[in-house]
N, C-alpha and C. Protein backbone atom coordinates (compact mmCIF):
# COMPACT_ATOMS: atom_id res chain seq x y z
N MET A 1 -5.36 15.24 8.76
CA MET A 1 -5.22 14.18 9.73
C MET A 1 -3.76 13.77 9.82
N THR A 2 -2.94 14.73 9.98
CA THR A 2 -1.53 14.41 10.11
C THR A 2 -1.10 14.32 11.56
N SER A 3 -1.96 14.74 12.47
CA SER A 3 -1.59 14.64 13.88
C SER A 3 -1.77 13.22 14.38
N ARG A 4 -1.15 12.94 15.49
CA ARG A 4 -1.24 11.59 16.05
C ARG A 4 -2.66 11.26 16.48
N SER A 5 -3.37 12.24 17.04
CA SER A 5 -4.74 11.97 17.48
C SER A 5 -5.66 11.71 16.29
N GLY A 6 -5.36 12.30 15.13
CA GLY A 6 -6.16 12.06 13.94
C GLY A 6 -5.90 10.70 13.32
N ALA A 7 -4.74 10.15 13.59
CA ALA A 7 -4.40 8.83 13.04
C ALA A 7 -4.95 7.70 13.89
N ARG A 8 -5.34 7.99 15.11
CA ARG A 8 -5.81 6.93 16.01
C ARG A 8 -7.01 6.16 15.47
N PRO A 9 -8.03 6.82 14.91
CA PRO A 9 -9.16 6.04 14.37
C PRO A 9 -8.73 5.11 13.24
N LEU A 10 -7.83 5.57 12.39
CA LEU A 10 -7.36 4.73 11.29
C LEU A 10 -6.56 3.55 11.80
N ILE A 11 -5.73 3.77 12.80
CA ILE A 11 -4.97 2.67 13.41
C ILE A 11 -5.93 1.67 14.06
N ALA A 12 -6.97 2.18 14.72
CA ALA A 12 -7.96 1.29 15.35
C ALA A 12 -8.66 0.44 14.30
N VAL A 13 -9.00 1.03 13.16
CA VAL A 13 -9.64 0.27 12.08
C VAL A 13 -8.70 -0.83 11.59
N CYS A 14 -7.42 -0.52 11.46
CA CYS A 14 -6.44 -1.52 11.00
C CYS A 14 -6.32 -2.68 11.98
N VAL A 15 -6.31 -2.39 13.27
CA VAL A 15 -6.21 -3.44 14.29
C VAL A 15 -7.47 -4.31 14.26
N ILE A 16 -8.64 -3.67 14.17
CA ILE A 16 -9.90 -4.43 14.10
C ILE A 16 -9.95 -5.27 12.83
N PHE A 17 -9.45 -4.70 11.71
CA PHE A 17 -9.41 -5.44 10.44
C PHE A 17 -8.53 -6.69 10.57
N ALA A 18 -7.38 -6.54 11.20
CA ALA A 18 -6.49 -7.70 11.37
C ALA A 18 -7.16 -8.77 12.22
N ALA A 19 -7.79 -8.36 13.31
CA ALA A 19 -8.47 -9.33 14.18
C ALA A 19 -9.63 -10.00 13.47
N ALA A 20 -10.42 -9.22 12.75
CA ALA A 20 -11.58 -9.79 12.04
C ALA A 20 -11.14 -10.73 10.93
N SER A 21 -10.04 -10.40 10.25
CA SER A 21 -9.58 -11.30 9.19
C SER A 21 -9.04 -12.61 9.76
N MET A 22 -8.48 -12.56 10.96
CA MET A 22 -8.03 -13.79 11.60
C MET A 22 -9.21 -14.65 12.05
N VAL A 23 -10.33 -14.02 12.36
CA VAL A 23 -11.54 -14.78 12.70
C VAL A 23 -12.15 -15.37 11.42
N ALA A 24 -12.19 -14.57 10.36
CA ALA A 24 -12.79 -15.02 9.10
C ALA A 24 -12.00 -16.14 8.46
N VAL A 25 -10.69 -16.00 8.44
CA VAL A 25 -9.80 -17.02 7.87
C VAL A 25 -8.74 -17.32 8.93
N PRO A 26 -8.93 -18.38 9.71
CA PRO A 26 -7.98 -18.68 10.78
C PRO A 26 -6.57 -18.95 10.24
N ALA A 27 -5.59 -18.59 11.02
CA ALA A 27 -4.20 -18.80 10.61
C ALA A 27 -3.87 -20.28 10.46
N SER A 28 -4.62 -21.13 11.12
CA SER A 28 -4.36 -22.57 11.05
C SER A 28 -4.89 -23.21 9.77
N LEU A 29 -5.61 -22.46 8.96
CA LEU A 29 -6.15 -22.98 7.71
C LEU A 29 -5.01 -23.28 6.74
N ASP A 30 -5.05 -24.46 6.14
CA ASP A 30 -4.01 -24.82 5.18
C ASP A 30 -4.07 -23.92 3.96
N LEU A 31 -2.94 -23.80 3.27
CA LEU A 31 -2.90 -23.00 2.06
C LEU A 31 -3.69 -23.68 0.96
N GLY A 32 -4.43 -22.89 0.18
CA GLY A 32 -5.16 -23.40 -0.97
C GLY A 32 -4.22 -23.57 -2.16
N TRP A 33 -4.77 -24.11 -3.27
CA TRP A 33 -3.95 -24.39 -4.44
C TRP A 33 -3.27 -23.13 -4.96
N TYR A 34 -4.01 -22.06 -5.17
CA TYR A 34 -3.41 -20.84 -5.70
C TYR A 34 -2.40 -20.23 -4.73
N GLU A 35 -2.68 -20.34 -3.44
CA GLU A 35 -1.73 -19.84 -2.45
C GLU A 35 -0.43 -20.63 -2.49
N VAL A 36 -0.53 -21.94 -2.68
CA VAL A 36 0.66 -22.77 -2.80
C VAL A 36 1.46 -22.36 -4.03
N VAL A 37 0.75 -22.07 -5.13
CA VAL A 37 1.44 -21.65 -6.35
C VAL A 37 2.18 -20.34 -6.11
N TYR A 38 1.51 -19.36 -5.50
CA TYR A 38 2.16 -18.08 -5.22
C TYR A 38 3.32 -18.25 -4.25
N ALA A 39 3.10 -18.96 -3.15
CA ALA A 39 4.15 -19.12 -2.14
C ALA A 39 5.33 -19.91 -2.68
N SER A 40 5.09 -20.86 -3.57
CA SER A 40 6.18 -21.68 -4.08
C SER A 40 7.12 -20.90 -5.00
N GLN A 41 6.69 -19.77 -5.50
CA GLN A 41 7.55 -18.98 -6.37
C GLN A 41 8.74 -18.42 -5.59
N HIS A 42 8.60 -18.32 -4.27
CA HIS A 42 9.66 -17.76 -3.44
C HIS A 42 10.20 -18.75 -2.42
N GLY A 43 9.60 -19.91 -2.33
CA GLY A 43 10.00 -20.89 -1.32
C GLY A 43 11.29 -21.60 -1.66
N PRO A 44 11.79 -22.39 -0.71
CA PRO A 44 13.06 -23.09 -0.91
C PRO A 44 12.95 -24.29 -1.86
N CYS A 45 11.74 -24.80 -2.07
CA CYS A 45 11.60 -25.95 -2.97
C CYS A 45 11.25 -25.47 -4.37
N ALA A 46 11.12 -26.42 -5.28
CA ALA A 46 10.82 -26.08 -6.67
C ALA A 46 9.47 -25.38 -6.79
N ALA A 47 9.39 -24.41 -7.68
CA ALA A 47 8.15 -23.66 -7.87
C ALA A 47 7.09 -24.53 -8.53
N ALA A 48 5.87 -24.37 -8.07
CA ALA A 48 4.75 -25.09 -8.67
C ALA A 48 4.53 -24.56 -10.08
N VAL A 49 4.25 -25.47 -10.99
CA VAL A 49 4.05 -25.08 -12.39
C VAL A 49 2.62 -24.62 -12.56
N HIS A 50 2.48 -23.47 -13.16
CA HIS A 50 1.15 -22.93 -13.42
C HIS A 50 1.25 -22.07 -14.66
N GLU A 51 0.24 -22.10 -15.50
CA GLU A 51 0.33 -21.39 -16.77
C GLU A 51 0.15 -19.89 -16.66
N ARG A 52 -0.36 -19.39 -15.57
CA ARG A 52 -0.59 -17.96 -15.44
C ARG A 52 0.69 -17.24 -15.05
N THR A 53 0.94 -16.13 -15.72
CA THR A 53 2.13 -15.35 -15.40
C THR A 53 1.94 -14.55 -14.12
N ALA A 54 0.73 -14.47 -13.62
CA ALA A 54 0.47 -13.72 -12.39
C ALA A 54 1.05 -14.41 -11.17
N CYS A 55 1.63 -15.58 -11.34
CA CYS A 55 2.19 -16.31 -10.20
C CYS A 55 3.32 -15.55 -9.53
N ARG A 56 3.89 -14.59 -10.22
CA ARG A 56 5.00 -13.84 -9.63
C ARG A 56 4.51 -12.53 -9.05
N GLY A 57 3.27 -12.48 -8.57
CA GLY A 57 2.66 -11.23 -8.16
C GLY A 57 2.87 -10.78 -6.74
N VAL A 58 3.35 -11.60 -5.86
CA VAL A 58 3.44 -11.21 -4.46
C VAL A 58 4.90 -11.25 -4.01
N THR A 59 5.54 -10.10 -4.03
CA THR A 59 6.94 -10.07 -3.60
C THR A 59 7.05 -10.16 -2.09
N LEU A 60 5.97 -9.87 -1.36
CA LEU A 60 6.00 -10.04 0.10
C LEU A 60 6.20 -11.50 0.49
N LEU A 61 5.92 -12.39 -0.43
CA LEU A 61 6.06 -13.81 -0.11
C LEU A 61 7.51 -14.27 -0.13
N ALA A 62 8.43 -13.36 -0.36
CA ALA A 62 9.84 -13.73 -0.26
C ALA A 62 10.15 -14.23 1.15
N VAL A 63 9.34 -13.81 2.10
CA VAL A 63 9.49 -14.29 3.47
C VAL A 63 9.22 -15.80 3.54
N ALA A 64 8.50 -16.34 2.57
CA ALA A 64 8.21 -17.78 2.54
C ALA A 64 9.48 -18.61 2.38
N SER A 65 10.53 -17.99 1.85
CA SER A 65 11.77 -18.74 1.67
C SER A 65 12.44 -19.07 3.00
N TRP A 66 12.11 -18.37 4.07
CA TRP A 66 12.69 -18.70 5.36
C TRP A 66 11.65 -19.05 6.41
N LEU A 67 10.43 -19.32 5.97
CA LEU A 67 9.37 -19.78 6.88
C LEU A 67 8.94 -21.19 6.50
N ASP A 68 8.73 -22.02 7.47
CA ASP A 68 8.25 -23.38 7.21
C ASP A 68 6.77 -23.52 7.51
N SER A 69 6.19 -22.58 8.18
CA SER A 69 4.85 -22.72 8.71
C SER A 69 3.85 -21.85 7.96
N ALA A 70 2.74 -22.44 7.59
CA ALA A 70 1.65 -21.69 6.97
C ALA A 70 1.01 -20.74 7.99
N VAL A 71 1.02 -21.13 9.25
CA VAL A 71 0.45 -20.28 10.30
C VAL A 71 1.25 -18.99 10.43
N VAL A 72 2.57 -19.11 10.47
CA VAL A 72 3.41 -17.92 10.59
C VAL A 72 3.29 -17.06 9.33
N LEU A 73 3.19 -17.69 8.18
CA LEU A 73 3.02 -16.96 6.93
C LEU A 73 1.70 -16.18 6.95
N ARG A 74 0.62 -16.81 7.40
CA ARG A 74 -0.67 -16.11 7.48
C ARG A 74 -0.63 -14.97 8.49
N LEU A 75 0.05 -15.16 9.61
CA LEU A 75 0.18 -14.08 10.58
C LEU A 75 0.96 -12.91 10.00
N PHE A 76 2.04 -13.21 9.31
CA PHE A 76 2.83 -12.17 8.64
C PHE A 76 2.00 -11.42 7.62
N LEU A 77 1.24 -12.15 6.82
CA LEU A 77 0.41 -11.52 5.79
C LEU A 77 -0.73 -10.70 6.41
N THR A 78 -1.24 -11.12 7.55
CA THR A 78 -2.27 -10.33 8.24
C THR A 78 -1.72 -8.99 8.69
N VAL A 79 -0.52 -9.01 9.24
CA VAL A 79 0.11 -7.77 9.69
C VAL A 79 0.38 -6.84 8.50
N THR A 80 0.92 -7.39 7.42
CA THR A 80 1.21 -6.55 6.25
C THR A 80 -0.07 -6.06 5.59
N ALA A 81 -1.14 -6.86 5.62
CA ALA A 81 -2.41 -6.42 5.05
C ALA A 81 -3.00 -5.26 5.85
N ALA A 82 -2.91 -5.34 7.17
CA ALA A 82 -3.41 -4.25 8.02
C ALA A 82 -2.56 -2.99 7.82
N ALA A 83 -1.25 -3.16 7.69
CA ALA A 83 -0.37 -2.01 7.46
C ALA A 83 -0.66 -1.37 6.10
N SER A 84 -0.88 -2.20 5.08
CA SER A 84 -1.17 -1.64 3.76
C SER A 84 -2.52 -0.93 3.75
N LEU A 85 -3.49 -1.43 4.51
CA LEU A 85 -4.78 -0.75 4.64
C LEU A 85 -4.57 0.63 5.25
N GLY A 86 -3.80 0.70 6.32
CA GLY A 86 -3.54 1.98 6.98
C GLY A 86 -2.79 2.96 6.09
N LEU A 87 -1.77 2.49 5.39
CA LEU A 87 -1.00 3.38 4.52
C LEU A 87 -1.82 3.88 3.34
N ALA A 88 -2.62 3.01 2.74
CA ALA A 88 -3.43 3.41 1.59
C ALA A 88 -4.46 4.46 1.97
N PHE A 89 -5.11 4.27 3.09
CA PHE A 89 -6.14 5.23 3.49
C PHE A 89 -5.57 6.43 4.22
N TRP A 90 -4.32 6.37 4.68
CA TRP A 90 -3.68 7.55 5.24
C TRP A 90 -3.54 8.63 4.17
N VAL A 91 -3.24 8.20 2.94
CA VAL A 91 -3.16 9.14 1.83
C VAL A 91 -4.50 9.87 1.68
N TRP A 92 -5.58 9.13 1.82
CA TRP A 92 -6.91 9.74 1.68
C TRP A 92 -7.23 10.68 2.83
N SER A 93 -6.60 10.51 3.98
CA SER A 93 -6.82 11.46 5.07
C SER A 93 -6.27 12.82 4.69
N ARG A 94 -5.25 12.86 3.87
CA ARG A 94 -4.71 14.12 3.38
C ARG A 94 -5.56 14.69 2.25
N VAL A 95 -6.23 13.82 1.49
CA VAL A 95 -7.08 14.28 0.39
C VAL A 95 -8.35 14.91 0.94
N SER A 96 -9.00 14.26 1.89
CA SER A 96 -10.32 14.69 2.35
C SER A 96 -10.28 15.90 3.27
N GLN A 97 -9.23 16.08 4.04
CA GLN A 97 -9.10 17.18 5.00
C GLN A 97 -10.19 17.18 6.07
N ARG A 98 -10.95 16.12 6.19
CA ARG A 98 -11.96 15.99 7.25
C ARG A 98 -11.50 14.89 8.18
N PRO A 99 -11.41 15.18 9.46
CA PRO A 99 -10.95 14.14 10.39
C PRO A 99 -11.92 12.97 10.45
N GLY A 100 -11.40 11.79 10.37
CA GLY A 100 -12.20 10.59 10.49
C GLY A 100 -12.75 10.04 9.19
N THR A 101 -12.73 10.82 8.11
CA THR A 101 -13.28 10.34 6.84
C THR A 101 -12.50 9.13 6.32
N ALA A 102 -11.20 9.19 6.38
CA ALA A 102 -10.38 8.08 5.90
C ALA A 102 -10.59 6.83 6.75
N ALA A 103 -10.76 7.01 8.05
CA ALA A 103 -11.01 5.87 8.93
C ALA A 103 -12.36 5.23 8.61
N ILE A 104 -13.36 6.05 8.32
CA ILE A 104 -14.68 5.50 7.96
C ILE A 104 -14.58 4.74 6.64
N ALA A 105 -13.90 5.32 5.66
CA ALA A 105 -13.73 4.65 4.36
C ALA A 105 -12.96 3.34 4.52
N ALA A 106 -11.89 3.37 5.32
CA ALA A 106 -11.11 2.15 5.57
C ALA A 106 -11.96 1.11 6.28
N GLY A 107 -12.78 1.55 7.22
CA GLY A 107 -13.66 0.61 7.93
C GLY A 107 -14.70 0.00 7.02
N LEU A 108 -15.25 0.80 6.11
CA LEU A 108 -16.22 0.26 5.15
C LEU A 108 -15.56 -0.76 4.23
N PHE A 109 -14.36 -0.45 3.75
CA PHE A 109 -13.64 -1.41 2.91
C PHE A 109 -13.31 -2.67 3.70
N ALA A 110 -12.84 -2.48 4.93
CA ALA A 110 -12.41 -3.61 5.75
C ALA A 110 -13.57 -4.52 6.14
N SER A 111 -14.79 -4.01 6.07
CA SER A 111 -15.95 -4.83 6.44
C SER A 111 -16.42 -5.73 5.30
N LEU A 112 -15.89 -5.57 4.12
CA LEU A 112 -16.28 -6.42 2.99
C LEU A 112 -15.72 -7.83 3.18
N TRP A 113 -16.51 -8.83 2.83
CA TRP A 113 -16.05 -10.20 3.03
C TRP A 113 -14.84 -10.51 2.17
N THR A 114 -14.75 -9.91 0.99
CA THR A 114 -13.58 -10.18 0.14
C THR A 114 -12.31 -9.62 0.76
N ALA A 115 -12.42 -8.45 1.39
CA ALA A 115 -11.25 -7.88 2.05
C ALA A 115 -10.82 -8.75 3.22
N LEU A 116 -11.79 -9.23 3.98
CA LEU A 116 -11.47 -10.08 5.13
C LEU A 116 -10.89 -11.42 4.71
N SER A 117 -11.41 -11.99 3.62
CA SER A 117 -10.94 -13.32 3.23
C SER A 117 -9.59 -13.28 2.53
N TYR A 118 -9.25 -12.17 1.87
CA TYR A 118 -7.97 -12.09 1.17
C TYR A 118 -6.87 -11.42 2.00
N ALA A 119 -7.19 -10.94 3.19
CA ALA A 119 -6.20 -10.21 3.99
C ALA A 119 -5.01 -11.07 4.35
N ASN A 120 -5.24 -12.31 4.74
CA ASN A 120 -4.11 -13.16 5.12
C ASN A 120 -3.88 -14.28 4.11
N ALA A 121 -4.40 -14.09 2.91
CA ALA A 121 -4.17 -15.07 1.85
C ALA A 121 -2.86 -14.77 1.14
N ALA A 122 -2.22 -15.80 0.69
CA ALA A 122 -0.94 -15.65 -0.01
C ALA A 122 -1.18 -15.36 -1.48
N MET A 123 -1.95 -14.32 -1.74
CA MET A 123 -2.28 -13.91 -3.10
C MET A 123 -2.24 -12.38 -3.17
N PRO A 124 -2.08 -11.81 -4.35
CA PRO A 124 -1.87 -10.36 -4.46
C PRO A 124 -3.15 -9.52 -4.45
N ASN A 125 -4.31 -10.09 -4.28
CA ASN A 125 -5.57 -9.36 -4.42
C ASN A 125 -5.66 -8.15 -3.49
N HIS A 126 -5.43 -8.34 -2.22
CA HIS A 126 -5.55 -7.24 -1.25
C HIS A 126 -4.50 -6.16 -1.52
N TYR A 127 -3.30 -6.56 -1.82
CA TYR A 127 -2.22 -5.60 -2.02
C TYR A 127 -2.42 -4.81 -3.30
N ALA A 128 -2.96 -5.44 -4.33
CA ALA A 128 -3.27 -4.71 -5.57
C ALA A 128 -4.38 -3.69 -5.31
N ALA A 129 -5.37 -4.05 -4.52
CA ALA A 129 -6.44 -3.11 -4.19
C ALA A 129 -5.91 -1.94 -3.37
N MET A 130 -5.05 -2.20 -2.41
CA MET A 130 -4.51 -1.12 -1.59
C MET A 130 -3.58 -0.22 -2.40
N ALA A 131 -2.85 -0.79 -3.33
CA ALA A 131 -2.00 0.02 -4.21
C ALA A 131 -2.87 0.94 -5.08
N ALA A 132 -4.00 0.43 -5.55
CA ALA A 132 -4.90 1.26 -6.36
C ALA A 132 -5.51 2.38 -5.52
N VAL A 133 -5.92 2.08 -4.30
CA VAL A 133 -6.49 3.10 -3.41
C VAL A 133 -5.46 4.19 -3.15
N ALA A 134 -4.24 3.81 -2.84
CA ALA A 134 -3.18 4.78 -2.56
C ALA A 134 -2.82 5.58 -3.82
N ALA A 135 -2.77 4.92 -4.97
CA ALA A 135 -2.41 5.61 -6.21
C ALA A 135 -3.44 6.68 -6.58
N VAL A 136 -4.71 6.36 -6.44
CA VAL A 136 -5.75 7.35 -6.74
C VAL A 136 -5.67 8.52 -5.75
N GLY A 137 -5.43 8.21 -4.49
CA GLY A 137 -5.27 9.27 -3.50
C GLY A 137 -4.08 10.17 -3.80
N CYS A 138 -2.95 9.57 -4.18
CA CYS A 138 -1.76 10.36 -4.54
C CYS A 138 -2.02 11.21 -5.77
N PHE A 139 -2.74 10.66 -6.74
CA PHE A 139 -3.09 11.42 -7.94
C PHE A 139 -3.94 12.63 -7.57
N LEU A 140 -4.95 12.42 -6.72
CA LEU A 140 -5.82 13.53 -6.33
C LEU A 140 -5.06 14.58 -5.52
N LEU A 141 -4.10 14.15 -4.72
CA LEU A 141 -3.26 15.12 -4.01
C LEU A 141 -2.45 15.96 -4.99
N ALA A 142 -1.91 15.32 -6.01
CA ALA A 142 -1.12 16.04 -7.01
C ALA A 142 -1.98 17.01 -7.81
N VAL A 143 -3.19 16.61 -8.13
CA VAL A 143 -4.09 17.47 -8.91
C VAL A 143 -4.61 18.63 -8.06
N ALA A 144 -4.82 18.39 -6.78
CA ALA A 144 -5.37 19.42 -5.90
C ALA A 144 -4.42 20.59 -5.71
N GLU A 145 -3.14 20.36 -5.82
CA GLU A 145 -2.17 21.42 -5.62
C GLU A 145 -1.16 21.40 -6.77
N PRO A 146 -1.60 21.86 -7.94
CA PRO A 146 -0.68 21.82 -9.09
C PRO A 146 0.46 22.82 -8.93
N ALA A 147 1.56 22.49 -9.53
CA ALA A 147 2.71 23.39 -9.50
C ALA A 147 2.46 24.56 -10.43
N ARG A 148 2.92 25.71 -10.06
CA ARG A 148 2.80 26.88 -10.93
C ARG A 148 3.78 26.73 -12.07
N PRO A 149 3.51 27.37 -13.20
CA PRO A 149 4.46 27.30 -14.32
C PRO A 149 5.84 27.77 -13.90
N GLY A 150 6.84 27.00 -14.26
CA GLY A 150 8.21 27.35 -13.91
C GLY A 150 8.65 26.87 -12.54
N ARG A 151 7.76 26.20 -11.83
CA ARG A 151 8.11 25.71 -10.50
C ARG A 151 7.67 24.26 -10.38
N VAL A 152 8.42 23.49 -9.64
CA VAL A 152 8.04 22.12 -9.31
C VAL A 152 8.11 21.97 -7.81
N ARG A 153 7.36 21.03 -7.30
CA ARG A 153 7.36 20.77 -5.86
C ARG A 153 8.10 19.47 -5.63
N SER A 154 9.07 19.52 -4.73
CA SER A 154 9.82 18.31 -4.41
C SER A 154 9.00 17.44 -3.49
N SER A 155 9.47 16.24 -3.23
CA SER A 155 8.75 15.33 -2.35
C SER A 155 8.70 15.87 -0.92
N ALA A 156 9.61 16.74 -0.56
CA ALA A 156 9.61 17.32 0.77
C ALA A 156 8.70 18.55 0.86
N GLY A 157 8.12 18.95 -0.27
CA GLY A 157 7.20 20.07 -0.27
C GLY A 157 7.86 21.41 -0.54
N HIS A 158 9.15 21.45 -0.83
CA HIS A 158 9.84 22.70 -1.11
C HIS A 158 9.68 23.05 -2.58
N ARG A 159 9.56 24.32 -2.86
CA ARG A 159 9.42 24.75 -4.26
C ARG A 159 10.80 25.08 -4.82
N HIS A 160 11.02 24.62 -6.04
CA HIS A 160 12.28 24.87 -6.71
C HIS A 160 12.00 25.50 -8.06
N ARG A 161 12.84 26.38 -8.45
CA ARG A 161 12.71 27.02 -9.74
C ARG A 161 13.33 26.12 -10.79
N VAL A 162 12.65 25.99 -11.92
CA VAL A 162 13.19 25.20 -13.03
C VAL A 162 13.26 26.09 -14.25
N GLY A 163 13.98 25.66 -15.23
CA GLY A 163 14.11 26.43 -16.46
C GLY A 163 15.42 27.19 -16.47
N ARG A 164 15.43 28.29 -17.21
CA ARG A 164 16.66 29.08 -17.34
C ARG A 164 16.96 29.82 -16.06
N ARG A 165 18.19 29.84 -15.72
CA ARG A 165 18.63 30.61 -14.56
C ARG A 165 19.02 32.01 -15.03
N ALA A 166 18.94 32.92 -14.12
CA ALA A 166 19.38 34.28 -14.43
C ALA A 166 20.89 34.26 -14.65
N PRO A 167 21.36 35.09 -15.56
CA PRO A 167 22.81 35.09 -15.82
C PRO A 167 23.58 35.61 -14.61
N ALA A 168 24.76 35.11 -14.47
CA ALA A 168 25.62 35.59 -13.39
C ALA A 168 26.00 37.04 -13.64
N ALA A 169 26.41 37.71 -12.61
CA ALA A 169 26.79 39.13 -12.77
C ALA A 169 27.89 39.28 -13.80
N GLY A 170 27.69 40.20 -14.71
CA GLY A 170 28.71 40.48 -15.70
C GLY A 170 28.58 39.65 -16.98
N THR A 171 27.59 38.76 -17.06
CA THR A 171 27.41 37.98 -18.27
C THR A 171 26.06 38.33 -18.89
N HIS A 172 25.84 37.91 -20.09
CA HIS A 172 24.60 38.22 -20.79
C HIS A 172 23.98 36.94 -21.32
N TRP A 173 22.66 36.96 -21.54
CA TRP A 173 21.99 35.81 -22.13
C TRP A 173 22.57 35.59 -23.52
N GLY A 174 22.72 34.36 -23.91
CA GLY A 174 23.12 34.01 -25.26
C GLY A 174 24.63 34.04 -25.49
N THR A 175 25.40 34.43 -24.52
CA THR A 175 26.85 34.40 -24.68
C THR A 175 27.41 33.19 -23.98
N THR A 176 28.49 32.69 -24.47
CA THR A 176 29.11 31.55 -23.85
C THR A 176 30.38 31.89 -23.16
């Protein structure tokens, strides 16, 4: 599913997910206590005191330092949540090799109430889940096509020889 036409169902799922999450949790909803704690770690005012070290879990909230509005923050988080859904399941489109499988899986995940309620929340739950989905997909891609002994595959897909190089003309192994 690397073609543009193969990505269309996944993009459609992401757009529907963003719209559904805005219906489930309206952007006009005030931030909850935990969201205030997370957002305050990056905001212009003093950080809210909380005993959990997980308060530093959402680096995307650095945008909170230049936003005054919870509505704009929720809209920003909805867009990033939909993008992270698409990127995480795009990896799976390469794993499955069946067109539409990743879009179906993304749609099933996106239909869960927890996914919809945390999509525009200022908490790391959705992003941690998408990172896990993408990480497992990347692992399965790496396992599916292991490198042959003496060769490694670069990120661009080119094979490179590793280990000892053949001696230059006129030299011998073991000589300096």
